[in-house]
Amino acid sequence: MSFVISKQHKSFLYEQVIALIDDMVCQGMICPGDKLPSLRAMAGKLNVSIPTVKQAYQVLEAQGKVRAQEKSGYFLQAVNASNPMPKRVKLPSQPIVVNKQQLIEQVYDAIHQPSIMPFGIANPVMVASTEKILAKLMRRAMHSMGENMLSYGAMDGLDQLKKQIVHRYLDLGLVVSTEELVITNGAQEALAIALQCVTEVGDVVAIESPCYFGIVELVESLGLKVIEIPVCPDDGVWLCDLGEALLKHDIKACVFSTSINNPLGSFMPDIRRKALVELLEYHQVTLIEDDVYGDLHFTERRGKPAQCYTSTGNVITCASFSKTAAPSYRVGWMVAGPHSAKARRLKRALSCSSSLMNQLVLADYVVSGEYDRHLKLMRKRLMFNKTQMVKALRRYFPSSARLSDPQGGCVIWVDLGTEYSGSKLFQLAIAHRISITPGVLFSAGRQYESCIRMSYGLVWNNDVEQAIALLGQLLLNAKK
């Protein structure tokens, strides 16, 4: 067991028991069909009450993860064979040099063609357009600011917007000062600055596997080597694999999405996130957290940023409004902590400042309360779309296909099976005006040829359903 139940932790005790059991399942300590420890035995091991353990087991039963057998106890439920999860990949033995830029460029150009079914583009704002409200706020800002709106803004960001972001972190239990906060041109610039703060050319960084291809390309452009840490489809990176990699390699930084991973949609429970931070701090390795999907959670509560658990401050959080409000505004930020001074210098050297106009509009959007109402609507629609896409994929794709179970965000990971090529399906789909993202983009190496990523972040209609049906037919010609 990788963590201890604590009455001082902000999560309820029964929630910590649930997280612990999920972690044991992920690490293979409990397998489908195994009997869970009795209520009395588990309570004794964890030093909690029997009712606490019983509540945890009952919640797991309601979630379909365990089953209660009269007079026998609780047993781990087998995974539904009709929707098996993607298989676990192995931890690579050595870091590698990345060479994916040309392939990413080719795919990027193809999936951004006009008049195409955009399964290949992760743009969840499409489910609930912000066009009208942002246009209204833009007109108001232009009227009030006049010519000043066309001037350069402060190098590290508009103070009004920074204060709103600080307030939002405070609601999550994280105290941040505006001095630690740097506004950037999207989260991608924030990630680039963060990596340059803590690494040099030739250094080794750990990334998730599978990993958002923008990070893969960024690492390549900075001349860094990578070690890929496998991700559990449910709970985020495998801490046991990460621990092994930290012992074997001189890793300078980790770039992880602990809230909602792209492309799996996994969600790391807060208690495992705390264990992750403690592990990295023990090895004196910087965690760079990509938190762009954090507000688009399907869980009861938003995951806390990893910075909530740092005792050294060696965690850099990167996020943006691109996935929640306006992709084209390119407004992101980073909470750089002790790296703030260097981050500001790099920001000044890279792009001087971010759009003053867009920052002011977003600040007003957040202050108005409309942004939070918009987030609630987005989450509701994305959850509906996820359900619809899972149904369609089960209906039209081979029964051997393995689907992730996203706990937020707008994408689902599909392992088609070893006989199929995601790259071939990508080419066939583009020819029929449908975009998907081939799995090979999500690895610095040569993994995931049989996988694809599909976005459900779009307005769901009959055309979407028919496009998925056509993809199922095209699969017949996408065998290796």
Foldseek 3Di string as FASTA:
>chain_A
DLDAQDPPDPDDSLVVVLLVVVLCVLVVVADAFDADDALVVVCVVRVHDSVSPVVNQVVCVVVVQWPQDPPPHIGGHHPDLLAAADDWDDFDPDWAQFDCVVVVVVQVVLLPDPPFANQADQALCQQPPPVPLLVVLLVVCCVVCPPVLVDFDALQDDPLLLVLVQVVLVVLVDHADSLLKGKAQALLLVVLLLCVLFDAAAAEEEEEVLADLSVSVSCNVRNYIYTYFYADLAAGGNVVSVLVCLVVGDHAEYEGAQDQGPPSQYHHAQRVLLSVQVSCVVSVHAYEYEHAWQLFFLDPDGHRPSCSNHPPQRYKYKYACLNQHNVVQRIIMMRRGVSSVSSSVVSCVPPNHGNSSSSSSVSVCSVVVVSVVSSVSSNVSLVVLLVVVVVLCSVQADSPKHWRDRRGGFKIKIQRDQFFFQVLLQVVSSVVSYHWAQSCSSDSDRPRRRMIMTGSSHHDDVVVSVSSNVSSVCRVVGTD
